[in-house]
Amino acid sequence: MRFYRTTLLILAACLAVSACKKKEEAAPPPAPAVEVSTAPAVETPPAAVPFHVLAVDLGKGLGADKKVTDPTTTFGPKDTIYASVASEGTASGVTLRAKWTYGDAGTVVHDENLSISPTGPANTEFQISKPTPWPAGKYKVEISADGATVASKDFEIQK
């Protein structure tokens, strides 16, 4: 019986020791593998900006980019007068109109339409000239896009 008591005592001691041991925490599960794509990233194109006129500049000359090189609003009687219409945006078709008028009565000097299909920033040119001198006085150019006036510029012819 002594043998049983000793065995029982040893068994109880082993249980007590194992019960007092701190439980080891389970290791966290491995992180999921990240899949690396070798396909090229697809970029979303920027939203199309609707066509609109930014500015109208007048001058005595234009560069190759159709921008005014010699800006002024005062011209001589024999000058060619250039209008550069700066715009941005896209449209399948826009009709730009330049209506040139003289004096307070708004007598039409010249009226011209240009059809454009802009795909971004652009400059469109209009010009007027005449073989005989321009009468001195106040003038105006009015720019319309598809029938709606979008800008105007006053200018003067001096002798």
C-alpha atoms as a PDB file:
ATOM      1  CA  MET A   1       0.000   0.000   0.000  1.00  0.00           C
ATOM      2  CA  ARG A   2       2.816   2.171   0.531  1.00  0.00           C
ATOM      3  CA  PHE A   3       3.595   1.826  -3.130  1.00  0.00           C
ATOM      4  CA  TYR A   4       0.110   3.025  -4.043  1.00  0.00           C
ATOM      5  CA  ARG A   5       0.356   5.981  -1.737  1.00  0.00           C
ATOM      6  CA  THR A   6       3.695   6.998  -3.165  1.00  0.00           C
ATOM      7  CA  THR A   7       2.404   6.623  -6.694  1.00  0.00           C
ATOM      8  CA  LEU A   8      -0.711   8.565  -5.839  1.00  0.00           C
ATOM      9  CA  LEU A   9       1.365  11.284  -4.213  1.00  0.00           C
ATOM     10  CA  ILE A  10       3.639  11.565  -7.235  1.00  0.00           C
ATOM     11  CA  LEU A  11       0.644  11.645  -9.531  1.00  0.00           C
ATOM     12  CA  ALA A  12      -0.980  14.413  -7.461  1.00  0.00           C
ATOM     13  CA  ALA A  13       2.265  16.392  -7.474  1.00  0.00           C
ATOM     14  CA  CYS A  14       2.488  16.087 -11.256  1.00  0.00           C
ATOM     15  CA  LEU A  15      -1.079  17.285 -11.630  1.00  0.00           C
ATOM     16  CA  ALA A  16      -0.445  20.204  -9.303  1.00  0.00           C
ATOM     17  CA  VAL A  17       2.688  21.226 -11.195  1.00  0.00           C
ATOM     18  CA  SER A  18       1.001  21.005 -14.567  1.00  0.00           C
ATOM     19  CA  ALA A  19      -2.017  22.950 -13.290  1.00  0.00           C
ATOM     20  CA  CYS A  20       0.200  25.759 -12.075  1.00  0.00           C
ATOM     21  CA  LYS A  21       2.001  26.102 -15.391  1.00  0.00           C
ATOM     22  CA  LYS A  22       1.049  29.154 -17.444  1.00  0.00           C
ATOM     23  CA  LYS A  23      -0.801  28.220 -20.590  1.00  0.00           C
ATOM     24  CA  GLU A  24       1.073  29.044 -23.723  1.00  0.00           C
ATOM     25  CA  GLU A  25      -0.878  31.274 -26.058  1.00  0.00           C
ATOM     26  CA  ALA A  26      -1.724  29.849 -29.419  1.00  0.00           C
ATOM     27  CA  ALA A  27       0.288  31.341 -32.260  1.00  0.00           C
ATOM     28  CA  PRO A  28      -1.747  33.698 -34.478  1.00  0.00           C
ATOM     29  CA  PRO A  29      -2.816  32.229 -37.781  1.00  0.00           C
ATOM     30  CA  PRO A  30      -0.494  33.129 -40.651  1.00  0.00           C
ATOM     31  CA  ALA A  31      -1.429  36.259 -42.627  1.00  0.00           C
ATOM     32  CA  PRO A  32      -3.114  35.539 -45.935  1.00  0.00           C
ATOM     33  CA  ALA A  33      -0.764  35.679 -48.864  1.00  0.00           C
ATOM     34  CA  VAL A  34      -0.963  38.924 -50.834  1.00  0.00           C
ATOM     35  CA  GLU A  35      -1.511  38.361 -54.485  1.00  0.00           C
ATOM     36  CA  VAL A  36       0.695  40.533 -56.677  1.00  0.00           C
ATOM     37  CA  SER A  37      -0.812  41.329 -60.043  1.00  0.00           C
ATOM     38  CA  THR A  38       1.454  41.726 -63.014  1.00  0.00           C
ATOM     39  CA  ALA A  39      -1.309  43.209 -65.166  1.00  0.00           C
ATOM     40  CA  PRO A  40      -0.876  46.931 -65.940  1.00  0.00           C
ATOM     41  CA  ALA A  41      -3.027  49.285 -63.882  1.00  0.00           C
ATOM     42  CA  VAL A  42      -6.007  50.643 -65.755  1.00  0.00           C
ATOM     43  CA  GLU A  43      -6.253  54.397 -65.404  1.00  0.00           C
ATOM     44  CA  THR A  44      -9.630  56.035 -65.545  1.00  0.00           C
ATOM     45  CA  PRO A  45      -9.581  58.884 -68.026  1.00  0.00           C
ATOM     46  CA  PRO A  46     -10.375  62.296 -66.561  1.00  0.00           C
ATOM     47  CA  ALA A  47     -13.908  63.483 -67.018  1.00  0.00           C
ATOM     48  CA  ALA A  48     -14.369  65.485 -70.195  1.00  0.00           C
ATOM     49  CA  VAL A  49     -14.511  69.224 -69.616  1.00  0.00           C
ATOM     50  CA  PRO A  50     -17.344  70.859 -71.563  1.00  0.00           C
ATOM     51  CA  PHE A  51     -16.294  73.477 -74.129  1.00  0.00           C
ATOM     52  CA  HIS A  52     -16.166  77.077 -72.933  1.00  0.00           C
ATOM     53  CA  VAL A  53     -14.436  80.309 -73.910  1.00  0.00           C
ATOM     54  CA  LEU A  54     -11.807  81.581 -71.464  1.00  0.00           C
ATOM     55  CA  ALA A  55     -10.832  84.928 -73.008  1.00  0.00           C
ATOM     56  CA  VAL A  56     -10.752  87.090 -76.115  1.00  0.00           C
ATOM     57  CA  ASP A  57      -7.635  89.108 -76.896  1.00  0.00           C
ATOM     58  CA  LEU A  58      -7.285  91.762 -79.583  1.00  0.00           C
ATOM     59  CA  GLY A  59      -4.087  92.819 -81.278  1.00  0.00           C
ATOM     60  CA  LYS A  60      -2.146  93.696 -84.385  1.00  0.00           C
ATOM     61  CA  GLY A  61      -0.490  90.309 -84.887  1.00  0.00           C
ATOM     62  CA  LEU A  62      -0.791  86.590 -84.156  1.00  0.00           C
ATOM     63  CA  GLY A  63       1.813  83.923 -83.504  1.00  0.00           C
ATOM     64  CA  ALA A  64       1.839  80.393 -84.924  1.00  0.00           C
ATOM     65  CA  ASP A  65      -0.169  79.305 -81.858  1.00  0.00           C
ATOM     66  CA  LYS A  66      -2.912  81.805 -82.836  1.00  0.00           C
ATOM     67  CA  LYS A  67      -2.269  83.907 -79.730  1.00  0.00           C
ATOM     68  CA  VAL A  68      -2.047  87.685 -80.011  1.00  0.00           C
ATOM     69  CA  THR A  69       1.590  88.826 -80.185  1.00  0.00           C
ATOM     70  CA  ASP A  70       0.959  92.580 -80.064  1.00  0.00           C
ATOM     71  CA  PRO A  71      -2.062  93.101 -77.764  1.00  0.00           C
ATOM     72  CA  THR A  72      -3.919  96.387 -77.961  1.00  0.00           C
ATOM     73  CA  THR A  73      -7.396  97.876 -78.046  1.00  0.00           C
ATOM     74  CA  THR A  74      -6.339 100.914 -80.084  1.00  0.00           C
ATOM     75  CA  PHE A  75      -5.736 100.537 -83.824  1.00  0.00           C
ATOM     76  CA  GLY A  76      -4.805 102.722 -86.761  1.00  0.00           C
ATOM     77  CA  PRO A  77      -7.077 103.228 -89.798  1.00  0.00           C
ATOM     78  CA  LYS A  78      -5.089 100.776 -91.966  1.00  0.00           C
ATOM     79  CA  ASP A  79      -4.444  98.044 -89.372  1.00  0.00           C
ATOM     80  CA  THR A  80      -5.579  94.450 -89.615  1.00  0.00           C
ATOM     81  CA  ILE A  81      -7.389  93.653 -86.362  1.00  0.00           C
ATOM     82  CA  TYR A  82      -6.982  90.167 -84.905  1.00  0.00           C
ATOM     83  CA  ALA A  83      -9.134  88.500 -82.265  1.00  0.00           C
ATOM     84  CA  SER A  84      -7.806  85.384 -80.559  1.00  0.00           C
ATOM     85  CA  VAL A  85     -10.449  83.323 -78.768  1.00  0.00           C
ATOM     86  CA  ALA A  86      -8.929  81.121 -76.043  1.00  0.00           C
ATOM     87  CA  SER A  87     -11.055  78.128 -75.099  1.00  0.00           C
ATOM     88  CA  GLU A  88     -10.836  74.814 -73.310  1.00  0.00           C
ATOM     89  CA  GLY A  89     -12.883  71.659 -73.185  1.00  0.00           C
ATOM     90  CA  THR A  90     -14.173  69.199 -75.713  1.00  0.00           C
ATOM     91  CA  ALA A  91     -17.136  69.142 -78.049  1.00  0.00           C
ATOM     92  CA  SER A  92     -18.027  67.230 -81.179  1.00  0.00           C
ATOM     93  CA  GLY A  93     -18.779  70.515 -82.894  1.00  0.00           C
ATOM     94  CA  VAL A  94     -19.097  74.163 -81.905  1.00  0.00           C
ATOM     95  CA  THR A  95     -19.882  77.144 -84.093  1.00  0.00           C
ATOM     96  CA  LEU A  96     -17.936  80.215 -83.017  1.00  0.00           C
ATOM     97  CA  ARG A  97     -19.158  83.525 -84.350  1.00  0.00           C
ATOM     98  CA  ALA A  98     -17.364  86.869 -84.395  1.00  0.00           C
ATOM     99  CA  LYS A  99     -19.637  89.838 -85.019  1.00  0.00           C
ATOM    100  CA  TRP A 100     -17.695  93.069 -85.513  1.00  0.00           C
ATOM    101  CA  THR A 101     -19.711  96.294 -85.044  1.00  0.00           C
ATOM    102  CA  TYR A 102     -19.060 100.040 -85.316  1.00  0.00           C
ATOM    103  CA  GLY A 103     -20.453 102.967 -83.312  1.00  0.00           C
ATOM    104  CA  ASP A 104     -23.277 103.282 -80.838  1.00  0.00           C
ATOM    105  CA  ALA A 105     -25.809 102.080 -83.403  1.00  0.00           C
ATOM    106  CA  GLY A 106     -23.934  98.763 -83.673  1.00  0.00           C
ATOM    107  CA  THR A 107     -23.546  98.846 -87.452  1.00  0.00           C
ATOM    108  CA  VAL A 108     -22.239  95.423 -88.486  1.00  0.00           C
ATOM    109  CA  VAL A 109     -18.808  95.701 -90.105  1.00  0.00           C
ATOM    110  CA  HIS A 110     -18.165  91.985 -90.511  1.00  0.00           C
ATOM    111  CA  ASP A 111     -19.835  88.759 -89.341  1.00  0.00           C
ATOM    112  CA  GLU A 112     -18.073  85.401 -89.516  1.00  0.00           C
ATOM    113  CA  ASN A 113     -18.796  81.832 -88.326  1.00  0.00           C
ATOM    114  CA  LEU A 114     -16.197  79.108 -87.807  1.00  0.00           C
ATOM    115  CA  SER A 115     -17.000  75.474 -87.034  1.00  0.00           C
ATOM    116  CA  ILE A 116     -14.544  73.836 -84.650  1.00  0.00           C
ATOM    117  CA  SER A 117     -14.295  70.440 -82.914  1.00  0.00           C
ATOM    118  CA  PRO A 118     -12.153  71.177 -79.853  1.00  0.00           C
ATOM    119  CA  THR A 119     -10.430  68.393 -77.901  1.00  0.00           C
ATOM    120  CA  GLY A 120      -8.785  70.556 -75.230  1.00  0.00           C
ATOM    121  CA  PRO A 121      -7.235  74.003 -74.869  1.00  0.00           C
ATOM    122  CA  ALA A 122      -7.265  75.906 -78.162  1.00  0.00           C
ATOM    123  CA  ASN A 123      -7.026  79.344 -79.725  1.00  0.00           C
ATOM    124  CA  THR A 124      -9.248  80.313 -82.636  1.00  0.00           C
ATOM    125  CA  GLU A 125      -8.489  83.348 -84.760  1.00  0.00           C
ATOM    126  CA  PHE A 126     -10.742  85.916 -86.364  1.00  0.00           C
ATOM    127  CA  GLN A 127      -9.538  88.982 -88.258  1.00  0.00           C
ATOM    128  CA  ILE A 128     -10.832  91.961 -90.143  1.00  0.00           C
ATOM    129  CA  SER A 129      -9.155  94.327 -92.554  1.00  0.00           C
ATOM    130  CA  LYS A 130     -10.204  96.535 -95.444  1.00  0.00           C
ATOM    131  CA  PRO A 131      -8.509  98.072 -98.439  1.00  0.00           C
ATOM    132  CA  THR A 132      -9.667 101.579 -97.495  1.00  0.00           C
ATOM    133  CA  PRO A 133      -8.999 103.130 -94.066  1.00  0.00           C
ATOM    134  CA  TRP A 134     -11.257 102.306 -91.143  1.00  0.00           C
ATOM    135  CA  PRO A 135     -13.392 105.211 -89.950  1.00  0.00           C
ATOM    136  CA  ALA A 136     -12.216 106.513 -86.579  1.00  0.00           C
ATOM    137  CA  GLY A 137     -14.445 105.623 -83.660  1.00  0.00           C
ATOM    138  CA  LYS A 138     -15.557 102.962 -81.213  1.00  0.00           C
ATOM    139  CA  TYR A 139     -15.926  99.329 -82.287  1.00  0.00           C
ATOM    140  CA  LYS A 140     -16.793  96.033 -80.655  1.00  0.00           C
ATOM    141  CA  VAL A 141     -16.301  92.350 -81.399  1.00  0.00           C
ATOM    142  CA  GLU A 142     -18.831  89.968 -79.905  1.00  0.00           C
ATOM    143  CA  ILE A 143     -17.977  86.247 -79.692  1.00  0.00           C
ATOM    144  CA  SER A 144     -20.760  83.642 -79.597  1.00  0.00           C
ATOM    145  CA  ALA A 145     -20.593  79.871 -79.200  1.00  0.00           C
ATOM    146  CA  ASP A 146     -23.536  77.981 -80.708  1.00  0.00           C
ATOM    147  CA  GLY A 147     -25.632  81.152 -80.679  1.00  0.00           C
ATOM    148  CA  ALA A 148     -24.930  82.239 -77.076  1.00  0.00           C
ATOM    149  CA  THR A 149     -22.767  85.314 -76.495  1.00  0.00           C
ATOM    150  CA  VAL A 150     -19.734  84.276 -74.437  1.00  0.00           C
ATOM    151  CA  ALA A 151     -17.451  87.347 -74.609  1.00  0.00           C
ATOM    152  CA  SER A 152     -17.055  90.780 -76.132  1.00  0.00           C
ATOM    153  CA  LYS A 153     -14.239  93.296 -76.492  1.00  0.00           C
ATOM    154  CA  ASP A 154     -14.418  97.006 -77.160  1.00  0.00           C
ATOM    155  CA  PHE A 155     -11.714  98.664 -79.250  1.00  0.00           C
ATOM    156  CA  GLU A 156     -11.064 101.949 -80.999  1.00  0.00           C
ATOM    157  CA  ILE A 157      -9.744 103.131 -84.344  1.00  0.00           C
ATOM    158  CA  GLN A 158      -7.786 106.383 -84.084  1.00  0.00           C
ATOM    159  CA  LYS A 159      -6.512 108.561 -86.908  1.00  0.00           C
END
